[in-house]
Each structure stands twice: as structure tokens, then as C-alpha cells.
Amino acid sequence: MSVTKSEIVATPAGDARIAWHRAAAGAELVLALGHGAGGGIEARDLQALATTLPAHGVTVALVEQPWRVAGKKVAPAPKTLDAAWLAVWPALEKEGAPVVSGGRSAGARVACRTAQPLGARAVLALSFPLHPPGKPEKSRAEELALATVPTLVVQGGRDPFGRPAEFPGGTEIVEVPHGDHGFAVPKKAEISQQDALTLITDSVISWLNRE
């Protein structure tokens, strides 16, 4: 069972907070996960990973950006998010295991943009916002390519920010059937909400075992 502990880390943008879900027998990897611009670490996919992965030797660090810690409702500019992520990284490395950088939505963009300078082992991009809804011409594919390390994209089949088929060829991607941007699935879908979350956690575990 994972043990949860919160840690405050000072950053140029204010205090960030790490919710640790540690592997009981010592971590083989640390998976750092940032949240999106419209929500926090309570997101269903982040919580599912934090609950499941410690039993598989992976310590999960759910990172709350300073704007959320301060109770603000609007995320700051990308460069501010990146600066905070960079400042949190030393606290993640102190665990003594290789660190995989990741996040959902805006957090996935941060992980991709900063992976190279931080020396991240790999990148996990959950619900990567490939483009604004209805505007496929405004692609963010170049941000995904910035990672330059093994990258797994987990994407809902009906995500308005980019469906799996829209991603560049060669992208390693897991599709969550009928999932929206938050991986919610309709009640009438052939896959249940729990099945969708299990697909996410199983896929991530399998991928991390290769990395």
C-alpha cells in the first residue's frame, strides 16, 4: 500500500505542493504528474495512477502547481508553469530513482517542453491537448516532439482537443475508447468507467516496465 505525504516546494511562481504516493518496498521509478489548467490532482486518471502504481514499484508524485496551491482559478502562462516544474524537479530526484515526467492536458505540455533540460527518463502525456477544440490547424505537435525521450500518449477516443488518429505518425499512443478529455465515458458505451481507468493504469504499467 502506498503512503501519502504532502511536501511544499518553493518555486519562482510561489509554493508548489507534492502529494507523494510512495512504493512500499522502495521505488524503481518515480512518476511525476502535473495537472491540467481546468482542474487539479483530483482528476480521475491521476488518482487512479497514484492508487495503483505504488504496488508495482513506482512512486507517484502528484504535483500541484503554485496557482492551484494559492487557490487561483486561472492558470498562468506556459513559461510560468515550466519554471515551477523545473523548480520542483530536485525534490523528485531526491527519491534516488529515475524520474519519468508526466501530466494531463496542460501538465502534459509542461512535461514535454521541459523533459530534455531536466533529463527526464521518459514522458507520460495524458490527454495531450494537440489543438484547441475545433481548431486542428493550431497544432501543438511540435511541443510533443520536444520531449526527445520515449513518450507515451494516452488519449480519449472522443477528445475534442485531439483524437488519437490526429496525432503524428510514429506516436506511441493508447486510445481509451469513447473517452473525452477527462477520460469520462458515456454510460451506454461498451466500456465502463472503471474499465477505462484500468486500461489506463495497465497500459502505463506495461510501458513503464519497458522504460
N, C-alpha and C. Protein backbone atom coordinates (compact mmCIF):
# COMPACT_ATOMS: atom_id res chain seq x y z
N MET A 1 0.85 -1.19 0.00
CA MET A 1 0.00 0.00 0.00
C MET A 1 0.88 1.24 0.00
N SER A 2 0.47 2.25 -0.75
CA SER A 2 1.24 3.49 -0.81
C SER A 2 1.01 4.34 0.42
N VAL A 3 2.01 5.11 0.77
CA VAL A 3 1.90 6.04 1.89
C VAL A 3 1.90 7.45 1.33
N THR A 4 0.88 8.21 1.65
CA THR A 4 0.74 9.56 1.10
C THR A 4 1.27 10.60 2.09
N LYS A 5 2.08 11.49 1.56
CA LYS A 5 2.63 12.58 2.36
C LYS A 5 2.74 13.80 1.47
N SER A 6 2.40 14.96 1.99
CA SER A 6 2.49 16.19 1.23
C SER A 6 3.79 16.93 1.55
N GLU A 7 4.34 17.57 0.53
CA GLU A 7 5.57 18.34 0.69
C GLU A 7 5.42 19.66 -0.06
N ILE A 8 5.76 20.74 0.59
CA ILE A 8 5.73 22.06 -0.03
C ILE A 8 7.10 22.36 -0.62
N VAL A 9 7.12 22.83 -1.85
CA VAL A 9 8.38 23.17 -2.52
C VAL A 9 8.29 24.60 -3.05
N ALA A 10 9.25 25.42 -2.70
CA ALA A 10 9.26 26.81 -3.16
C ALA A 10 9.67 26.87 -4.62
N THR A 11 8.98 27.71 -5.41
CA THR A 11 9.31 27.91 -6.81
C THR A 11 9.25 29.41 -7.11
N PRO A 12 9.77 29.85 -8.27
CA PRO A 12 9.68 31.27 -8.61
C PRO A 12 8.25 31.78 -8.73
N ALA A 13 7.29 30.85 -8.90
CA ALA A 13 5.89 31.24 -9.06
C ALA A 13 5.10 31.11 -7.76
N GLY A 14 5.79 30.79 -6.66
CA GLY A 14 5.11 30.54 -5.40
C GLY A 14 5.30 29.10 -4.98
N ASP A 15 4.65 28.71 -3.90
CA ASP A 15 4.81 27.36 -3.37
C ASP A 15 4.02 26.35 -4.19
N ALA A 16 4.71 25.28 -4.60
CA ALA A 16 4.05 24.12 -5.19
C ALA A 16 3.90 23.07 -4.10
N ARG A 17 3.06 22.07 -4.35
CA ARG A 17 2.85 21.02 -3.36
C ARG A 17 2.91 19.66 -4.04
N ILE A 18 3.68 18.75 -3.45
CA ILE A 18 3.78 17.38 -3.96
C ILE A 18 3.02 16.45 -3.03
N ALA A 19 2.09 15.69 -3.59
CA ALA A 19 1.41 14.63 -2.84
C ALA A 19 2.09 13.32 -3.21
N TRP A 20 2.83 12.78 -2.28
CA TRP A 20 3.61 11.57 -2.53
C TRP A 20 2.78 10.31 -2.32
N HIS A 21 2.88 9.41 -3.25
CA HIS A 21 2.29 8.06 -3.12
C HIS A 21 3.44 7.10 -3.36
N ARG A 22 4.10 6.73 -2.28
CA ARG A 22 5.37 6.01 -2.39
C ARG A 22 5.19 4.50 -2.47
N ALA A 23 6.07 3.89 -3.26
CA ALA A 23 6.13 2.44 -3.32
C ALA A 23 6.62 1.93 -1.97
N ALA A 24 5.94 0.92 -1.44
CA ALA A 24 6.22 0.46 -0.08
C ALA A 24 7.61 -0.13 0.07
N ALA A 25 8.10 -0.82 -0.96
CA ALA A 25 9.37 -1.53 -0.85
C ALA A 25 10.52 -0.80 -1.54
N GLY A 26 10.38 0.50 -1.77
CA GLY A 26 11.42 1.24 -2.46
C GLY A 26 11.10 1.35 -3.95
N ALA A 27 11.24 2.52 -4.48
CA ALA A 27 10.81 2.77 -5.85
C ALA A 27 11.88 2.42 -6.87
N GLU A 28 11.44 1.78 -7.96
CA GLU A 28 12.31 1.57 -9.11
C GLU A 28 12.25 2.78 -10.03
N LEU A 29 11.13 3.49 -10.00
CA LEU A 29 10.92 4.69 -10.79
C LEU A 29 10.09 5.68 -9.97
N VAL A 30 10.23 6.95 -10.30
CA VAL A 30 9.33 7.98 -9.79
C VAL A 30 8.57 8.54 -10.99
N LEU A 31 7.26 8.55 -10.90
CA LEU A 31 6.42 9.14 -11.94
C LEU A 31 5.84 10.44 -11.40
N ALA A 32 6.30 11.56 -11.95
CA ALA A 32 5.81 12.88 -11.53
C ALA A 32 4.69 13.30 -12.47
N LEU A 33 3.55 13.67 -11.92
CA LEU A 33 2.38 14.01 -12.73
C LEU A 33 1.84 15.39 -12.37
N GLY A 34 1.77 16.25 -13.37
CA GLY A 34 1.15 17.56 -13.20
C GLY A 34 -0.29 17.53 -13.66
N HIS A 35 -1.06 18.50 -13.24
CA HIS A 35 -2.50 18.55 -13.56
C HIS A 35 -2.76 19.49 -14.73
N GLY A 36 -4.01 19.59 -15.10
CA GLY A 36 -4.40 20.44 -16.21
C GLY A 36 -4.69 21.87 -15.78
N ALA A 37 -5.09 22.68 -16.76
CA ALA A 37 -5.40 24.08 -16.48
C ALA A 37 -6.81 24.27 -15.92
N GLY A 38 -7.63 23.24 -16.03
CA GLY A 38 -9.00 23.36 -15.56
C GLY A 38 -9.31 22.55 -14.32
N GLY A 39 -8.30 21.98 -13.71
CA GLY A 39 -8.52 21.15 -12.53
C GLY A 39 -7.21 20.82 -11.85
N GLY A 40 -7.29 20.03 -10.80
CA GLY A 40 -6.10 19.71 -10.01
C GLY A 40 -5.78 18.23 -10.00
N ILE A 41 -5.08 17.81 -8.95
CA ILE A 41 -4.63 16.42 -8.86
C ILE A 41 -5.76 15.46 -8.50
N GLU A 42 -6.96 15.99 -8.34
CA GLU A 42 -8.11 15.11 -8.07
C GLU A 42 -8.63 14.45 -9.34
N ALA A 43 -8.08 14.76 -10.49
CA ALA A 43 -8.52 14.17 -11.76
C ALA A 43 -8.51 12.65 -11.68
N ARG A 44 -9.51 12.02 -12.28
CA ARG A 44 -9.70 10.58 -12.14
C ARG A 44 -8.50 9.77 -12.61
N ASP A 45 -7.85 10.18 -13.70
CA ASP A 45 -6.71 9.42 -14.20
C ASP A 45 -5.50 9.56 -13.29
N LEU A 46 -5.26 10.76 -12.78
CA LEU A 46 -4.13 10.96 -11.87
C LEU A 46 -4.33 10.16 -10.58
N GLN A 47 -5.53 10.17 -10.05
CA GLN A 47 -5.81 9.43 -8.82
C GLN A 47 -5.71 7.92 -9.04
N ALA A 48 -6.16 7.45 -10.19
CA ALA A 48 -6.08 6.02 -10.49
C ALA A 48 -4.62 5.56 -10.55
N LEU A 49 -3.78 6.36 -11.18
CA LEU A 49 -2.36 6.01 -11.27
C LEU A 49 -1.70 6.06 -9.90
N ALA A 50 -2.03 7.08 -9.11
CA ALA A 50 -1.43 7.22 -7.78
C ALA A 50 -1.84 6.08 -6.86
N THR A 51 -3.03 5.57 -7.06
CA THR A 51 -3.53 4.46 -6.22
C THR A 51 -2.94 3.12 -6.64
N THR A 52 -2.73 2.94 -7.93
CA THR A 52 -2.37 1.63 -8.47
C THR A 52 -0.87 1.39 -8.60
N LEU A 53 -0.11 2.38 -9.03
CA LEU A 53 1.28 2.14 -9.40
C LEU A 53 2.24 1.83 -8.25
N PRO A 54 2.03 2.37 -7.03
CA PRO A 54 2.98 2.04 -5.96
C PRO A 54 3.13 0.55 -5.69
N ALA A 55 2.08 -0.23 -5.92
CA ALA A 55 2.16 -1.68 -5.73
C ALA A 55 3.04 -2.34 -6.79
N HIS A 56 3.38 -1.58 -7.83
CA HIS A 56 4.22 -2.10 -8.90
C HIS A 56 5.61 -1.47 -8.89
N GLY A 57 6.01 -0.95 -7.74
CA GLY A 57 7.35 -0.42 -7.59
C GLY A 57 7.56 0.98 -8.11
N VAL A 58 6.46 1.70 -8.37
CA VAL A 58 6.56 3.07 -8.90
C VAL A 58 6.01 4.05 -7.87
N THR A 59 6.85 4.98 -7.44
CA THR A 59 6.38 6.06 -6.58
C THR A 59 5.76 7.14 -7.45
N VAL A 60 4.56 7.56 -7.11
CA VAL A 60 3.85 8.58 -7.88
C VAL A 60 3.86 9.89 -7.09
N ALA A 61 4.30 10.94 -7.75
CA ALA A 61 4.31 12.28 -7.15
C ALA A 61 3.31 13.15 -7.90
N LEU A 62 2.21 13.48 -7.26
CA LEU A 62 1.22 14.36 -7.87
C LEU A 62 1.58 15.80 -7.50
N VAL A 63 1.90 16.58 -8.52
CA VAL A 63 2.43 17.93 -8.30
C VAL A 63 1.34 18.97 -8.55
N GLU A 64 1.05 19.75 -7.51
CA GLU A 64 0.11 20.87 -7.64
C GLU A 64 0.89 22.14 -7.95
N GLN A 65 0.56 22.74 -9.08
CA GLN A 65 1.21 23.98 -9.46
C GLN A 65 0.87 25.10 -8.45
N PRO A 66 1.75 26.09 -8.31
CA PRO A 66 1.53 27.16 -7.33
C PRO A 66 0.19 27.87 -7.45
N TRP A 67 -0.30 28.04 -8.67
CA TRP A 67 -1.56 28.76 -8.82
C TRP A 67 -2.72 28.01 -8.17
N ARG A 68 -2.65 26.68 -8.20
CA ARG A 68 -3.69 25.88 -7.54
C ARG A 68 -3.51 25.92 -6.02
N VAL A 69 -2.26 25.82 -5.58
CA VAL A 69 -1.99 25.87 -4.14
C VAL A 69 -2.48 27.19 -3.56
N ALA A 70 -2.35 28.27 -4.33
CA ALA A 70 -2.76 29.60 -3.87
C ALA A 70 -4.26 29.83 -3.99
N GLY A 71 -4.98 28.84 -4.55
CA GLY A 71 -6.43 28.96 -4.66
C GLY A 71 -6.91 29.77 -5.84
N LYS A 72 -6.04 30.02 -6.82
CA LYS A 72 -6.46 30.77 -8.00
C LYS A 72 -7.20 29.86 -8.98
N LYS A 73 -8.03 30.46 -9.82
CA LYS A 73 -8.87 29.69 -10.72
C LYS A 73 -8.35 29.65 -12.15
N VAL A 74 -7.39 30.50 -12.46
CA VAL A 74 -6.88 30.59 -13.83
C VAL A 74 -5.39 30.29 -13.84
N ALA A 75 -4.98 29.38 -14.73
CA ALA A 75 -3.58 29.02 -14.84
C ALA A 75 -2.77 30.16 -15.47
N PRO A 76 -1.51 30.32 -15.07
CA PRO A 76 -0.67 31.35 -15.65
C PRO A 76 -0.12 30.94 -17.01
N ALA A 77 0.76 31.75 -17.56
CA ALA A 77 1.36 31.49 -18.86
C ALA A 77 2.23 30.24 -18.83
N PRO A 78 2.40 29.59 -19.98
CA PRO A 78 3.22 28.37 -20.05
C PRO A 78 4.61 28.53 -19.44
N LYS A 79 5.28 29.66 -19.66
CA LYS A 79 6.64 29.82 -19.14
C LYS A 79 6.64 29.81 -17.61
N THR A 80 5.55 30.28 -17.00
CA THR A 80 5.45 30.26 -15.54
C THR A 80 5.23 28.83 -15.04
N LEU A 81 4.41 28.08 -15.74
CA LEU A 81 4.20 26.67 -15.39
C LEU A 81 5.50 25.89 -15.52
N ASP A 82 6.25 26.15 -16.59
CA ASP A 82 7.51 25.45 -16.80
C ASP A 82 8.52 25.78 -15.70
N ALA A 83 8.59 27.06 -15.32
CA ALA A 83 9.54 27.48 -14.28
C ALA A 83 9.25 26.78 -12.96
N ALA A 84 7.98 26.64 -12.62
CA ALA A 84 7.62 25.95 -11.39
C ALA A 84 7.99 24.47 -11.45
N TRP A 85 7.75 23.84 -12.61
CA TRP A 85 8.08 22.42 -12.78
C TRP A 85 9.58 22.20 -12.64
N LEU A 86 10.36 23.09 -13.24
CA LEU A 86 11.82 23.00 -13.13
C LEU A 86 12.27 23.09 -11.68
N ALA A 87 11.62 23.96 -10.91
CA ALA A 87 12.00 24.16 -9.51
C ALA A 87 11.63 22.97 -8.63
N VAL A 88 10.59 22.25 -9.02
CA VAL A 88 10.14 21.09 -8.23
C VAL A 88 11.04 19.88 -8.48
N TRP A 89 11.68 19.83 -9.62
CA TRP A 89 12.41 18.63 -10.05
C TRP A 89 13.44 18.10 -9.04
N PRO A 90 14.26 18.96 -8.40
CA PRO A 90 15.22 18.44 -7.42
C PRO A 90 14.58 17.64 -6.30
N ALA A 91 13.39 18.02 -5.88
CA ALA A 91 12.68 17.28 -4.82
C ALA A 91 12.28 15.89 -5.31
N LEU A 92 12.01 15.78 -6.60
CA LEU A 92 11.66 14.48 -7.19
C LEU A 92 12.88 13.59 -7.29
N GLU A 93 14.01 14.18 -7.66
CA GLU A 93 15.24 13.40 -7.83
C GLU A 93 15.79 12.90 -6.50
N LYS A 94 15.43 13.55 -5.39
CA LYS A 94 15.91 13.13 -4.08
C LYS A 94 15.44 11.73 -3.71
N GLU A 95 14.43 11.23 -4.38
CA GLU A 95 13.94 9.88 -4.10
C GLU A 95 14.97 8.82 -4.49
N GLY A 96 15.92 9.21 -5.34
CA GLY A 96 17.00 8.29 -5.69
C GLY A 96 16.69 7.31 -6.79
N ALA A 97 15.62 7.54 -7.54
CA ALA A 97 15.24 6.67 -8.65
C ALA A 97 15.07 7.52 -9.90
N PRO A 98 15.19 6.93 -11.09
CA PRO A 98 14.95 7.70 -12.31
C PRO A 98 13.55 8.30 -12.30
N VAL A 99 13.43 9.51 -12.84
CA VAL A 99 12.15 10.22 -12.82
C VAL A 99 11.54 10.28 -14.22
N VAL A 100 10.32 9.81 -14.31
CA VAL A 100 9.52 9.95 -15.53
C VAL A 100 8.63 11.16 -15.35
N SER A 101 8.67 12.07 -16.31
CA SER A 101 7.90 13.31 -16.22
C SER A 101 6.57 13.12 -16.94
N GLY A 102 5.50 13.62 -16.34
CA GLY A 102 4.20 13.43 -16.98
C GLY A 102 3.16 14.41 -16.47
N GLY A 103 1.99 14.26 -17.01
CA GLY A 103 0.89 15.11 -16.59
C GLY A 103 -0.29 14.95 -17.53
N ARG A 104 -1.37 15.62 -17.17
CA ARG A 104 -2.55 15.59 -18.02
C ARG A 104 -2.80 16.98 -18.61
N SER A 105 -3.19 17.00 -19.87
CA SER A 105 -3.54 18.23 -20.57
C SER A 105 -2.41 19.26 -20.48
N ALA A 106 -2.64 20.42 -19.86
CA ALA A 106 -1.57 21.42 -19.76
C ALA A 106 -0.34 20.85 -19.06
N GLY A 107 -0.56 19.95 -18.11
CA GLY A 107 0.56 19.31 -17.43
C GLY A 107 1.38 18.44 -18.35
N ALA A 108 0.73 17.83 -19.34
CA ALA A 108 1.45 17.03 -20.33
C ALA A 108 2.31 17.93 -21.21
N ARG A 109 1.80 19.11 -21.55
CA ARG A 109 2.58 20.06 -22.34
C ARG A 109 3.83 20.49 -21.56
N VAL A 110 3.67 20.78 -20.28
CA VAL A 110 4.81 21.16 -19.45
C VAL A 110 5.86 20.04 -19.45
N ALA A 111 5.41 18.80 -19.27
CA ALA A 111 6.33 17.66 -19.22
C ALA A 111 7.12 17.53 -20.52
N CYS A 112 6.45 17.73 -21.64
CA CYS A 112 7.13 17.63 -22.94
C CYS A 112 8.14 18.76 -23.14
N ARG A 113 7.75 19.96 -22.78
CA ARG A 113 8.62 21.12 -23.00
C ARG A 113 9.87 21.08 -22.15
N THR A 114 9.79 20.46 -20.97
CA THR A 114 10.90 20.51 -20.02
C THR A 114 11.68 19.20 -19.92
N ALA A 115 11.27 18.17 -20.60
CA ALA A 115 11.88 16.84 -20.45
C ALA A 115 13.37 16.84 -20.77
N GLN A 116 13.74 17.50 -21.86
CA GLN A 116 15.13 17.48 -22.28
C GLN A 116 16.06 18.19 -21.30
N PRO A 117 15.77 19.44 -20.91
CA PRO A 117 16.68 20.10 -19.97
C PRO A 117 16.74 19.43 -18.59
N LEU A 118 15.67 18.76 -18.21
CA LEU A 118 15.64 18.11 -16.90
C LEU A 118 16.26 16.72 -16.92
N GLY A 119 16.44 16.15 -18.08
CA GLY A 119 16.97 14.80 -18.17
C GLY A 119 15.96 13.75 -17.73
N ALA A 120 14.69 13.97 -18.03
CA ALA A 120 13.65 13.01 -17.66
C ALA A 120 13.90 11.67 -18.33
N ARG A 121 13.57 10.60 -17.63
CA ARG A 121 13.74 9.25 -18.17
C ARG A 121 12.82 9.02 -19.37
N ALA A 122 11.60 9.53 -19.27
CA ALA A 122 10.58 9.37 -20.30
C ALA A 122 9.47 10.36 -19.99
N VAL A 123 8.46 10.41 -20.87
CA VAL A 123 7.33 11.33 -20.67
C VAL A 123 6.02 10.58 -20.85
N LEU A 124 5.11 10.79 -19.90
CA LEU A 124 3.75 10.26 -19.99
C LEU A 124 2.81 11.44 -20.21
N ALA A 125 2.17 11.45 -21.38
CA ALA A 125 1.27 12.56 -21.75
C ALA A 125 -0.17 12.06 -21.73
N LEU A 126 -0.91 12.47 -20.72
CA LEU A 126 -2.31 12.08 -20.57
C LEU A 126 -3.19 13.18 -21.15
N SER A 127 -4.07 12.82 -22.08
CA SER A 127 -4.96 13.82 -22.71
C SER A 127 -4.18 15.01 -23.24
N PHE A 128 -3.16 14.73 -24.04
CA PHE A 128 -2.35 15.82 -24.59
C PHE A 128 -3.24 16.70 -25.47
N PRO A 129 -3.29 18.01 -25.20
CA PRO A 129 -4.14 18.91 -25.98
C PRO A 129 -3.48 19.27 -27.32
N LEU A 130 -3.64 18.40 -28.28
CA LEU A 130 -2.96 18.56 -29.57
C LEU A 130 -3.34 19.86 -30.26
N HIS A 131 -4.57 20.31 -30.04
CA HIS A 131 -5.04 21.58 -30.61
C HIS A 131 -6.26 22.05 -29.81
N PRO A 132 -6.60 23.33 -29.89
CA PRO A 132 -7.83 23.79 -29.25
C PRO A 132 -9.03 23.11 -29.93
N PRO A 133 -10.11 22.87 -29.20
CA PRO A 133 -11.29 22.23 -29.80
C PRO A 133 -11.77 22.96 -31.05
N GLY A 134 -11.95 22.19 -32.11
CA GLY A 134 -12.45 22.76 -33.35
C GLY A 134 -11.43 23.52 -34.17
N LYS A 135 -10.16 23.52 -33.73
CA LYS A 135 -9.13 24.26 -34.44
C LYS A 135 -7.90 23.39 -34.70
N PRO A 136 -8.07 22.34 -35.49
CA PRO A 136 -6.94 21.43 -35.74
C PRO A 136 -5.75 22.10 -36.42
N GLU A 137 -5.99 23.24 -37.05
CA GLU A 137 -4.88 23.94 -37.73
C GLU A 137 -3.89 24.54 -36.73
N LYS A 138 -4.32 24.70 -35.47
CA LYS A 138 -3.44 25.24 -34.44
C LYS A 138 -2.80 24.10 -33.65
N SER A 139 -2.01 23.31 -34.36
CA SER A 139 -1.43 22.10 -33.77
C SER A 139 -0.31 22.42 -32.79
N ARG A 140 -0.22 21.60 -31.74
CA ARG A 140 0.86 21.69 -30.77
C ARG A 140 1.78 20.47 -30.89
N ALA A 141 1.78 19.85 -32.06
CA ALA A 141 2.59 18.65 -32.26
C ALA A 141 4.07 18.92 -32.01
N GLU A 142 4.51 20.16 -32.26
CA GLU A 142 5.92 20.47 -32.06
C GLU A 142 6.29 20.39 -30.58
N GLU A 143 5.35 20.68 -29.69
CA GLU A 143 5.63 20.55 -28.25
C GLU A 143 5.82 19.09 -27.89
N LEU A 144 5.00 18.23 -28.46
CA LEU A 144 5.12 16.80 -28.19
C LEU A 144 6.49 16.30 -28.62
N ALA A 145 6.96 16.80 -29.75
CA ALA A 145 8.26 16.38 -30.28
C ALA A 145 9.43 16.89 -29.45
N LEU A 146 9.21 17.93 -28.65
CA LEU A 146 10.29 18.50 -27.84
C LEU A 146 10.81 17.53 -26.78
N ALA A 147 10.01 16.55 -26.41
CA ALA A 147 10.39 15.64 -25.33
C ALA A 147 11.71 14.92 -25.64
N THR A 148 11.90 14.45 -26.87
CA THR A 148 13.11 13.74 -27.32
C THR A 148 13.49 12.54 -26.46
N VAL A 149 12.55 12.02 -25.69
CA VAL A 149 12.74 10.80 -24.90
C VAL A 149 11.52 9.92 -25.17
N PRO A 150 11.56 8.64 -24.80
CA PRO A 150 10.38 7.80 -25.01
C PRO A 150 9.14 8.45 -24.41
N THR A 151 8.09 8.55 -25.23
CA THR A 151 6.87 9.26 -24.81
C THR A 151 5.65 8.40 -25.10
N LEU A 152 4.80 8.26 -24.10
CA LEU A 152 3.53 7.56 -24.27
C LEU A 152 2.40 8.57 -24.15
N VAL A 153 1.52 8.59 -25.15
CA VAL A 153 0.32 9.42 -25.12
C VAL A 153 -0.87 8.53 -24.81
N VAL A 154 -1.66 8.90 -23.82
CA VAL A 154 -2.92 8.20 -23.52
C VAL A 154 -4.03 9.19 -23.82
N GLN A 155 -4.89 8.84 -24.78
CA GLN A 155 -5.85 9.80 -25.31
C GLN A 155 -7.24 9.21 -25.42
N GLY A 156 -8.24 10.00 -25.04
CA GLY A 156 -9.62 9.57 -25.19
C GLY A 156 -10.03 9.50 -26.66
N GLY A 157 -10.84 8.53 -27.01
CA GLY A 157 -11.25 8.35 -28.39
C GLY A 157 -12.09 9.49 -28.93
N ARG A 158 -12.73 10.26 -28.04
CA ARG A 158 -13.52 11.39 -28.49
C ARG A 158 -13.06 12.70 -27.85
N ASP A 159 -11.76 12.80 -27.62
CA ASP A 159 -11.21 14.01 -27.01
C ASP A 159 -11.26 15.16 -28.02
N PRO A 160 -11.99 16.23 -27.71
CA PRO A 160 -12.09 17.35 -28.65
C PRO A 160 -10.78 18.12 -28.83
N PHE A 161 -9.82 17.89 -27.94
CA PHE A 161 -8.52 18.54 -28.06
C PHE A 161 -7.56 17.73 -28.95
N GLY A 162 -8.06 16.68 -29.54
CA GLY A 162 -7.23 15.85 -30.41
C GLY A 162 -7.56 14.39 -30.23
N ARG A 163 -8.10 13.78 -31.28
CA ARG A 163 -8.40 12.35 -31.23
C ARG A 163 -7.14 11.57 -31.62
N PRO A 164 -7.06 10.32 -31.20
CA PRO A 164 -5.84 9.54 -31.46
C PRO A 164 -5.38 9.56 -32.91
N ALA A 165 -6.31 9.47 -33.86
CA ALA A 165 -5.94 9.42 -35.28
C ALA A 165 -5.31 10.73 -35.77
N GLU A 166 -5.46 11.81 -35.02
CA GLU A 166 -4.91 13.10 -35.44
C GLU A 166 -3.43 13.27 -35.08
N PHE A 167 -2.89 12.40 -34.25
CA PHE A 167 -1.51 12.55 -33.81
C PHE A 167 -0.54 12.16 -34.91
N PRO A 168 0.66 12.73 -34.89
CA PRO A 168 1.65 12.43 -35.92
C PRO A 168 1.98 10.94 -35.99
N GLY A 169 2.30 10.47 -37.16
CA GLY A 169 2.69 9.08 -37.31
C GLY A 169 3.91 8.77 -36.47
N GLY A 170 3.94 7.60 -35.89
CA GLY A 170 5.04 7.20 -35.03
C GLY A 170 4.82 7.49 -33.57
N THR A 171 3.75 8.22 -33.25
CA THR A 171 3.43 8.49 -31.84
C THR A 171 2.98 7.20 -31.15
N GLU A 172 3.60 6.88 -30.03
CA GLU A 172 3.13 5.73 -29.24
C GLU A 172 1.91 6.18 -28.46
N ILE A 173 0.77 5.58 -28.77
CA ILE A 173 -0.47 6.10 -28.21
C ILE A 173 -1.39 4.97 -27.78
N VAL A 174 -2.04 5.17 -26.67
CA VAL A 174 -3.07 4.26 -26.17
C VAL A 174 -4.39 4.99 -26.24
N GLU A 175 -5.35 4.40 -26.92
CA GLU A 175 -6.67 5.02 -27.03
C GLU A 175 -7.61 4.47 -25.95
N VAL A 176 -8.28 5.37 -25.28
CA VAL A 176 -9.33 4.99 -24.32
C VAL A 176 -10.66 5.14 -25.06
N PRO A 177 -11.26 4.04 -25.48
CA PRO A 177 -12.47 4.12 -26.30
C PRO A 177 -13.56 4.98 -25.65
N HIS A 178 -14.12 5.88 -26.45
CA HIS A 178 -15.23 6.75 -26.04
C HIS A 178 -14.86 7.78 -24.98
N GLY A 179 -13.59 7.82 -24.55
CA GLY A 179 -13.19 8.75 -23.51
C GLY A 179 -13.13 10.18 -24.00
N ASP A 180 -13.55 11.13 -23.16
CA ASP A 180 -13.42 12.54 -23.50
C ASP A 180 -12.10 13.07 -22.96
N HIS A 181 -11.96 14.38 -22.84
CA HIS A 181 -10.69 14.95 -22.40
C HIS A 181 -10.35 14.56 -20.97
N GLY A 182 -11.37 14.27 -20.17
CA GLY A 182 -11.16 13.83 -18.79
C GLY A 182 -11.28 12.33 -18.63
N PHE A 183 -11.30 11.60 -19.77
CA PHE A 183 -11.45 10.15 -19.81
C PHE A 183 -12.79 9.67 -19.27
N ALA A 184 -13.78 10.56 -19.25
CA ALA A 184 -15.13 10.14 -18.91
C ALA A 184 -15.72 9.41 -20.12
N VAL A 185 -16.42 8.31 -19.86
CA VAL A 185 -17.05 7.56 -20.94
C VAL A 185 -18.57 7.56 -20.73
N PRO A 186 -19.36 7.60 -21.81
CA PRO A 186 -20.82 7.59 -21.67
C PRO A 186 -21.30 6.30 -21.00
N LYS A 187 -22.40 6.40 -20.30
CA LYS A 187 -22.94 5.23 -19.60
C LYS A 187 -23.33 4.11 -20.56
N LYS A 188 -23.67 4.47 -21.80
CA LYS A 188 -24.10 3.45 -22.76
C LYS A 188 -22.93 2.86 -23.55
N ALA A 189 -21.72 3.31 -23.29
CA ALA A 189 -20.56 2.78 -24.01
C ALA A 189 -20.30 1.33 -23.61
N GLU A 190 -19.62 0.60 -24.51
CA GLU A 190 -19.35 -0.81 -24.21
C GLU A 190 -18.24 -0.98 -23.18
N ILE A 191 -17.59 0.14 -22.82
CA ILE A 191 -16.56 0.11 -21.79
C ILE A 191 -17.05 0.93 -20.60
N SER A 192 -16.90 0.37 -19.40
CA SER A 192 -17.34 1.09 -18.20
C SER A 192 -16.29 2.11 -17.79
N GLN A 193 -16.67 3.01 -16.87
CA GLN A 193 -15.71 3.99 -16.39
C GLN A 193 -14.54 3.30 -15.69
N GLN A 194 -14.83 2.29 -14.91
CA GLN A 194 -13.75 1.58 -14.23
C GLN A 194 -12.86 0.85 -15.22
N ASP A 195 -13.46 0.27 -16.25
CA ASP A 195 -12.67 -0.41 -17.28
C ASP A 195 -11.74 0.58 -17.98
N ALA A 196 -12.24 1.79 -18.21
CA ALA A 196 -11.42 2.82 -18.85
C ALA A 196 -10.21 3.16 -18.00
N LEU A 197 -10.42 3.30 -16.69
CA LEU A 197 -9.31 3.62 -15.79
C LEU A 197 -8.33 2.45 -15.69
N THR A 198 -8.86 1.24 -15.70
CA THR A 198 -7.99 0.07 -15.66
C THR A 198 -7.14 -0.02 -16.92
N LEU A 199 -7.73 0.32 -18.06
CA LEU A 199 -6.97 0.35 -19.31
C LEU A 199 -5.81 1.34 -19.21
N ILE A 200 -6.08 2.49 -18.61
CA ILE A 200 -5.03 3.50 -18.45
C ILE A 200 -3.91 2.98 -17.55
N THR A 201 -4.27 2.49 -16.38
CA THR A 201 -3.24 2.06 -15.43
C THR A 201 -2.46 0.85 -15.96
N ASP A 202 -3.15 -0.12 -16.56
CA ASP A 202 -2.47 -1.29 -17.10
C ASP A 202 -1.51 -0.90 -18.22
N SER A 203 -1.94 0.01 -19.08
CA SER A 203 -1.10 0.44 -20.20
C SER A 203 0.14 1.17 -19.70
N VAL A 204 -0.04 2.02 -18.69
CA VAL A 204 1.09 2.78 -18.15
C VAL A 204 2.07 1.83 -17.45
N ILE A 205 1.57 0.88 -16.70
CA ILE A 205 2.44 -0.09 -16.02
C ILE A 205 3.26 -0.87 -17.04
N SER A 206 2.61 -1.34 -18.10
CA SER A 206 3.30 -2.10 -19.14
C SER A 206 4.39 -1.25 -19.81
N TRP A 207 4.06 0.00 -20.08
CA TRP A 207 5.02 0.91 -20.72
C TRP A 207 6.20 1.21 -19.79
N LEU A 208 5.93 1.49 -18.52
CA LEU A 208 7.00 1.78 -17.59
C LEU A 208 7.93 0.59 -17.39
N ASN A 209 7.38 -0.60 -17.46
CA ASN A 209 8.22 -1.80 -17.33
C ASN A 209 9.22 -1.92 -18.48
N ARG A 210 8.91 -1.27 -19.60
CA ARG A 210 9.83 -1.29 -20.74
C ARG A 210 10.84 -0.15 -20.66
N GLU A 211 10.48 0.87 -19.90
CA GLU A 211 11.34 2.05 -19.84
C GLU A 211 12.30 1.98 -18.65
